Amino acid sequence: MTTNLLLLAGLLGSAAAFPNPDEPTVPPVLSVKAARTAGPGATVTLRAVVINGAELGNVRYVQDADAGLALYAQAAKVPGYGELRAGDSIQVTGVLKNYNGLLEMDPVQSVHTLGRNTK
């Protein structure tokens, strides 16, 4: 009986070592600087503060203590993007790409406002 319990415990414990391929993976939340090092083509999730609103059209610039990044999205395609204002703290996920020699996130896949007016 004890051997059976130990065997069962061992099998159950080792199940965690084998990830379930059907479960979605959650990307780590990065700083802007760390996200930028991932380079073009990488899908990244980062937290930062928005530094402009709709006055620049579909472009929002974000920054944290170490770096900044341009985001580009069509507000109609990404819920919450059109409401972003300077000072909003956000978590955003998207793909990095080079645009005229500058790194930006395009497309933005999702954006979540964490706080308003956090300048």
N, C-alpha and C. Protein backbone atom coordinates (compact mmCIF):
# COMPACT_ATOMS: atom_id res chain seq x y z
N MET A 1 0.82 -1.19 0.00
CA MET A 1 0.00 0.00 0.00
C MET A 1 0.86 1.26 0.00
N THR A 2 1.90 1.30 0.86
CA THR A 2 2.78 2.46 0.93
C THR A 2 3.51 2.66 -0.39
N THR A 3 3.93 1.57 -1.01
CA THR A 3 4.62 1.66 -2.29
C THR A 3 3.69 2.25 -3.35
N ASN A 4 2.43 1.84 -3.35
CA ASN A 4 1.46 2.37 -4.31
C ASN A 4 1.26 3.87 -4.11
N LEU A 5 1.18 4.32 -2.86
CA LEU A 5 1.00 5.75 -2.58
C LEU A 5 2.22 6.54 -3.01
N LEU A 6 3.41 6.01 -2.75
CA LEU A 6 4.62 6.70 -3.16
C LEU A 6 4.72 6.78 -4.68
N LEU A 7 4.34 5.69 -5.35
CA LEU A 7 4.35 5.69 -6.80
C LEU A 7 3.36 6.70 -7.35
N LEU A 8 2.16 6.74 -6.78
CA LEU A 8 1.14 7.70 -7.21
C LEU A 8 1.59 9.13 -6.94
N ALA A 9 2.17 9.38 -5.78
CA ALA A 9 2.66 10.71 -5.44
C ALA A 9 3.76 11.13 -6.42
N GLY A 10 4.63 10.20 -6.76
CA GLY A 10 5.70 10.50 -7.72
C GLY A 10 5.16 10.83 -9.09
N LEU A 11 4.16 10.08 -9.53
CA LEU A 11 3.55 10.36 -10.83
C LEU A 11 2.84 11.69 -10.85
N LEU A 12 2.10 12.00 -9.79
CA LEU A 12 1.40 13.28 -9.73
C LEU A 12 2.38 14.43 -9.65
N GLY A 13 3.43 14.27 -8.90
CA GLY A 13 4.43 15.32 -8.78
C GLY A 13 5.15 15.59 -10.09
N SER A 14 5.36 14.56 -10.88
CA SER A 14 6.08 14.75 -12.14
C SER A 14 5.19 15.34 -13.22
N ALA A 15 3.88 15.34 -13.02
CA ALA A 15 2.98 15.91 -14.03
C ALA A 15 3.24 17.39 -14.23
N ALA A 16 3.66 18.08 -13.17
CA ALA A 16 3.94 19.51 -13.29
C ALA A 16 5.15 19.78 -14.18
N ALA A 17 6.03 18.79 -14.30
CA ALA A 17 7.23 18.96 -15.13
C ALA A 17 6.89 18.91 -16.62
N PHE A 18 5.73 18.40 -16.97
CA PHE A 18 5.32 18.30 -18.36
C PHE A 18 4.17 19.27 -18.61
N PRO A 19 4.42 20.42 -19.24
CA PRO A 19 3.36 21.39 -19.46
C PRO A 19 2.29 20.84 -20.40
N ASN A 20 1.08 21.28 -20.18
CA ASN A 20 -0.05 20.89 -21.01
C ASN A 20 -0.03 21.74 -22.28
N PRO A 21 0.12 21.13 -23.46
CA PRO A 21 0.19 21.94 -24.69
C PRO A 21 -1.12 22.65 -25.02
N ASP A 22 -2.22 22.25 -24.39
CA ASP A 22 -3.50 22.90 -24.65
C ASP A 22 -3.70 24.16 -23.83
N GLU A 23 -2.88 24.37 -22.79
CA GLU A 23 -3.00 25.56 -21.97
C GLU A 23 -2.24 26.71 -22.63
N PRO A 24 -2.88 27.90 -22.72
CA PRO A 24 -2.18 29.03 -23.32
C PRO A 24 -1.02 29.48 -22.42
N THR A 25 0.08 29.87 -23.04
CA THR A 25 1.20 30.36 -22.26
C THR A 25 1.01 31.85 -22.03
N VAL A 26 1.37 32.30 -20.84
CA VAL A 26 1.25 33.70 -20.49
C VAL A 26 2.63 34.32 -20.61
N PRO A 27 2.77 35.32 -21.49
CA PRO A 27 4.10 35.92 -21.65
C PRO A 27 4.47 36.72 -20.40
N PRO A 28 5.75 36.80 -20.09
CA PRO A 28 6.16 37.60 -18.94
C PRO A 28 5.93 39.09 -19.23
N VAL A 29 5.67 39.86 -18.19
CA VAL A 29 5.54 41.31 -18.33
C VAL A 29 6.93 41.92 -18.21
N LEU A 30 7.32 42.68 -19.22
CA LEU A 30 8.67 43.22 -19.31
C LEU A 30 8.69 44.73 -19.10
N SER A 31 9.86 45.24 -18.79
CA SER A 31 10.08 46.68 -18.84
C SER A 31 10.18 47.05 -20.32
N VAL A 32 10.07 48.34 -20.63
CA VAL A 32 10.19 48.76 -22.02
C VAL A 32 11.59 48.43 -22.54
N LYS A 33 12.60 48.67 -21.75
CA LYS A 33 13.98 48.38 -22.16
C LYS A 33 14.16 46.89 -22.48
N ALA A 34 13.66 46.02 -21.61
CA ALA A 34 13.77 44.58 -21.85
C ALA A 34 12.97 44.16 -23.08
N ALA A 35 11.80 44.76 -23.27
CA ALA A 35 10.99 44.43 -24.45
C ALA A 35 11.72 44.83 -25.72
N ARG A 36 12.36 45.99 -25.71
CA ARG A 36 13.09 46.47 -26.90
C ARG A 36 14.23 45.52 -27.28
N THR A 37 14.86 44.90 -26.30
CA THR A 37 15.97 44.00 -26.61
C THR A 37 15.50 42.72 -27.30
N ALA A 38 14.21 42.42 -27.19
CA ALA A 38 13.67 41.23 -27.88
C ALA A 38 13.75 41.39 -29.39
N GLY A 39 13.69 42.63 -29.87
CA GLY A 39 13.88 42.91 -31.29
C GLY A 39 12.67 42.68 -32.17
N PRO A 40 12.78 43.10 -33.43
CA PRO A 40 11.69 42.98 -34.40
C PRO A 40 11.20 41.54 -34.55
N GLY A 41 9.89 41.40 -34.62
CA GLY A 41 9.27 40.09 -34.78
C GLY A 41 8.86 39.45 -33.48
N ALA A 42 9.35 39.96 -32.35
CA ALA A 42 9.01 39.38 -31.05
C ALA A 42 7.66 39.90 -30.57
N THR A 43 6.88 39.00 -29.98
CA THR A 43 5.64 39.41 -29.31
C THR A 43 5.97 39.61 -27.85
N VAL A 44 5.68 40.81 -27.33
CA VAL A 44 6.05 41.16 -25.97
C VAL A 44 4.86 41.77 -25.22
N THR A 45 4.92 41.67 -23.91
CA THR A 45 3.96 42.33 -23.03
C THR A 45 4.77 43.24 -22.11
N LEU A 46 4.35 44.49 -22.00
CA LEU A 46 5.08 45.43 -21.17
C LEU A 46 4.12 46.34 -20.41
N ARG A 47 4.66 46.97 -19.36
CA ARG A 47 3.91 47.97 -18.59
C ARG A 47 4.65 49.29 -18.73
N ALA A 48 3.87 50.36 -18.96
CA ALA A 48 4.47 51.68 -19.14
C ALA A 48 3.40 52.74 -18.94
N VAL A 49 3.82 53.99 -19.04
CA VAL A 49 2.91 55.14 -18.93
C VAL A 49 2.80 55.79 -20.29
N VAL A 50 1.58 56.09 -20.71
CA VAL A 50 1.30 56.75 -21.99
C VAL A 50 1.70 58.22 -21.87
N ILE A 51 2.36 58.77 -22.89
CA ILE A 51 2.77 60.17 -22.81
C ILE A 51 2.07 61.08 -23.82
N ASN A 52 1.13 60.53 -24.60
CA ASN A 52 0.32 61.38 -25.48
C ASN A 52 -1.04 60.75 -25.67
N GLY A 53 -1.97 61.56 -26.17
CA GLY A 53 -3.32 61.07 -26.45
C GLY A 53 -3.59 61.03 -27.93
N ALA A 54 -4.83 61.25 -28.30
CA ALA A 54 -5.28 61.12 -29.68
C ALA A 54 -4.77 62.23 -30.60
N GLU A 55 -4.08 63.23 -30.07
CA GLU A 55 -3.59 64.32 -30.91
C GLU A 55 -2.61 63.85 -31.99
N LEU A 56 -2.03 62.68 -31.83
CA LEU A 56 -1.12 62.12 -32.83
C LEU A 56 -1.75 60.98 -33.62
N GLY A 57 -3.06 60.93 -33.65
CA GLY A 57 -3.76 59.91 -34.41
C GLY A 57 -3.67 58.54 -33.77
N ASN A 58 -3.23 57.56 -34.53
CA ASN A 58 -3.18 56.17 -34.04
C ASN A 58 -1.89 55.81 -33.30
N VAL A 59 -1.00 56.79 -33.11
CA VAL A 59 0.26 56.53 -32.43
C VAL A 59 0.16 56.97 -30.97
N ARG A 60 0.61 56.10 -30.08
CA ARG A 60 0.75 56.44 -28.66
C ARG A 60 2.20 56.15 -28.31
N TYR A 61 2.80 57.04 -27.58
CA TYR A 61 4.14 56.81 -27.08
C TYR A 61 4.04 56.43 -25.61
N VAL A 62 4.84 55.44 -25.21
CA VAL A 62 4.86 55.00 -23.82
C VAL A 62 6.30 55.01 -23.32
N GLN A 63 6.43 55.14 -22.00
CA GLN A 63 7.76 55.10 -21.40
C GLN A 63 7.67 54.57 -19.99
N ASP A 64 8.81 54.06 -19.53
CA ASP A 64 8.96 53.73 -18.11
C ASP A 64 10.22 54.44 -17.65
N ALA A 65 10.80 54.03 -16.56
CA ALA A 65 11.97 54.73 -16.02
C ALA A 65 13.20 54.65 -16.92
N ASP A 66 13.27 53.66 -17.80
CA ASP A 66 14.49 53.43 -18.57
C ASP A 66 14.39 53.63 -20.08
N ALA A 67 13.20 53.54 -20.67
CA ALA A 67 13.12 53.57 -22.13
C ALA A 67 11.71 53.96 -22.58
N GLY A 68 11.59 54.17 -23.88
CA GLY A 68 10.30 54.50 -24.47
C GLY A 68 10.06 53.68 -25.72
N LEU A 69 8.81 53.70 -26.20
CA LEU A 69 8.44 52.93 -27.38
C LEU A 69 7.18 53.52 -27.99
N ALA A 70 7.10 53.49 -29.30
CA ALA A 70 5.89 53.91 -30.00
C ALA A 70 4.97 52.71 -30.16
N LEU A 71 3.67 52.94 -29.98
CA LEU A 71 2.64 51.92 -30.23
C LEU A 71 1.81 52.39 -31.40
N TYR A 72 1.42 51.48 -32.26
CA TYR A 72 0.55 51.85 -33.37
C TYR A 72 -0.60 50.86 -33.45
N ALA A 73 -1.81 51.38 -33.45
CA ALA A 73 -3.00 50.53 -33.57
C ALA A 73 -4.16 51.36 -34.09
N GLN A 74 -5.11 50.70 -34.68
CA GLN A 74 -6.36 51.34 -35.05
C GLN A 74 -7.33 51.14 -33.89
N ALA A 75 -7.81 52.25 -33.35
CA ALA A 75 -8.65 52.20 -32.15
C ALA A 75 -9.86 51.28 -32.32
N ALA A 76 -10.41 51.19 -33.51
CA ALA A 76 -11.59 50.35 -33.74
C ALA A 76 -11.26 48.86 -33.61
N LYS A 77 -9.98 48.50 -33.76
CA LYS A 77 -9.59 47.09 -33.73
C LYS A 77 -9.07 46.63 -32.37
N VAL A 78 -8.70 47.56 -31.49
CA VAL A 78 -8.13 47.20 -30.19
C VAL A 78 -8.94 47.90 -29.10
N PRO A 79 -9.80 47.16 -28.40
CA PRO A 79 -10.63 47.77 -27.35
C PRO A 79 -9.79 48.53 -26.32
N GLY A 80 -10.18 49.76 -26.04
CA GLY A 80 -9.52 50.59 -25.04
C GLY A 80 -8.41 51.46 -25.59
N TYR A 81 -7.90 51.16 -26.77
CA TYR A 81 -6.77 51.92 -27.32
C TYR A 81 -7.14 53.38 -27.58
N GLY A 82 -8.30 53.61 -28.13
CA GLY A 82 -8.73 54.97 -28.46
C GLY A 82 -8.95 55.86 -27.26
N GLU A 83 -9.13 55.26 -26.08
CA GLU A 83 -9.37 56.04 -24.86
C GLU A 83 -8.09 56.38 -24.11
N LEU A 84 -6.95 55.89 -24.57
CA LEU A 84 -5.69 56.14 -23.87
C LEU A 84 -5.34 57.62 -23.89
N ARG A 85 -4.94 58.12 -22.73
CA ARG A 85 -4.58 59.53 -22.56
C ARG A 85 -3.22 59.62 -21.87
N ALA A 86 -2.56 60.76 -22.01
CA ALA A 86 -1.29 60.99 -21.34
C ALA A 86 -1.47 60.76 -19.85
N GLY A 87 -0.55 60.01 -19.26
CA GLY A 87 -0.59 59.71 -17.83
C GLY A 87 -1.21 58.38 -17.49
N ASP A 88 -1.84 57.72 -18.46
CA ASP A 88 -2.44 56.41 -18.19
C ASP A 88 -1.35 55.35 -18.03
N SER A 89 -1.45 54.56 -16.99
CA SER A 89 -0.56 53.41 -16.80
C SER A 89 -1.22 52.22 -17.49
N ILE A 90 -0.48 51.54 -18.36
CA ILE A 90 -1.07 50.45 -19.15
C ILE A 90 -0.19 49.21 -19.15
N GLN A 91 -0.84 48.10 -19.49
CA GLN A 91 -0.15 46.87 -19.86
C GLN A 91 -0.57 46.59 -21.28
N VAL A 92 0.39 46.39 -22.15
CA VAL A 92 0.11 46.24 -23.57
C VAL A 92 0.89 45.06 -24.13
N THR A 93 0.26 44.34 -25.06
CA THR A 93 0.89 43.21 -25.73
C THR A 93 0.83 43.45 -27.23
N GLY A 94 1.92 43.16 -27.91
CA GLY A 94 1.94 43.31 -29.36
C GLY A 94 3.25 42.83 -29.94
N VAL A 95 3.39 43.03 -31.23
CA VAL A 95 4.55 42.58 -31.98
C VAL A 95 5.45 43.78 -32.29
N LEU A 96 6.74 43.60 -32.06
CA LEU A 96 7.70 44.66 -32.37
C LEU A 96 8.10 44.59 -33.84
N LYS A 97 8.28 45.78 -34.43
CA LYS A 97 8.75 45.84 -35.81
C LYS A 97 9.56 47.10 -36.02
N ASN A 98 10.38 47.09 -37.05
CA ASN A 98 11.12 48.28 -37.46
C ASN A 98 10.24 49.06 -38.42
N TYR A 99 10.16 50.37 -38.20
CA TYR A 99 9.44 51.26 -39.10
C TYR A 99 10.36 52.44 -39.38
N ASN A 100 10.83 52.54 -40.60
CA ASN A 100 11.77 53.60 -40.99
C ASN A 100 12.96 53.68 -40.03
N GLY A 101 13.46 52.51 -39.63
CA GLY A 101 14.63 52.47 -38.77
C GLY A 101 14.35 52.63 -37.29
N LEU A 102 13.09 52.79 -36.92
CA LEU A 102 12.71 52.94 -35.52
C LEU A 102 11.90 51.74 -35.06
N LEU A 103 12.13 51.29 -33.83
CA LEU A 103 11.38 50.16 -33.29
C LEU A 103 10.04 50.64 -32.75
N GLU A 104 8.98 49.94 -33.11
CA GLU A 104 7.65 50.24 -32.60
C GLU A 104 6.89 48.95 -32.38
N MET A 105 5.77 49.04 -31.67
CA MET A 105 4.88 47.90 -31.49
C MET A 105 3.73 48.05 -32.49
N ASP A 106 3.69 47.13 -33.43
CA ASP A 106 2.65 47.16 -34.46
C ASP A 106 2.56 45.78 -35.08
N PRO A 107 1.49 45.06 -34.89
CA PRO A 107 0.24 45.52 -34.31
C PRO A 107 0.20 45.37 -32.78
N VAL A 108 -0.58 46.26 -32.17
CA VAL A 108 -0.92 46.10 -30.76
C VAL A 108 -2.03 45.07 -30.71
N GLN A 109 -1.86 44.06 -29.88
CA GLN A 109 -2.87 43.00 -29.80
C GLN A 109 -3.87 43.23 -28.68
N SER A 110 -3.40 43.79 -27.56
CA SER A 110 -4.31 44.08 -26.45
C SER A 110 -3.72 45.18 -25.58
N VAL A 111 -4.61 45.93 -24.95
CA VAL A 111 -4.18 46.98 -24.03
C VAL A 111 -5.13 46.98 -22.84
N HIS A 112 -4.55 47.09 -21.64
CA HIS A 112 -5.33 47.14 -20.41
C HIS A 112 -4.88 48.35 -19.61
N THR A 113 -5.81 49.21 -19.26
CA THR A 113 -5.49 50.38 -18.45
C THR A 113 -5.40 49.95 -17.00
N LEU A 114 -4.26 50.23 -16.37
CA LEU A 114 -4.02 49.87 -14.97
C LEU A 114 -4.34 51.03 -14.04
N GLY A 115 -4.23 52.25 -14.56
CA GLY A 115 -4.52 53.45 -13.76
C GLY A 115 -4.60 54.67 -14.65
N ARG A 116 -5.31 55.65 -14.21
CA ARG A 116 -5.48 56.90 -14.98
C ARG A 116 -4.68 58.03 -14.33
N ASN A 117 -4.13 58.91 -15.17
CA ASN A 117 -3.46 60.13 -14.74
C ASN A 117 -2.38 59.82 -13.68
N THR A 118 -1.46 58.93 -14.01
CA THR A 118 -0.44 58.51 -13.06
C THR A 118 0.90 59.20 -13.28
N LYS A 119 0.92 60.32 -13.97
CA LYS A 119 2.17 61.03 -14.31
C LYS A 119 3.09 61.14 -13.11
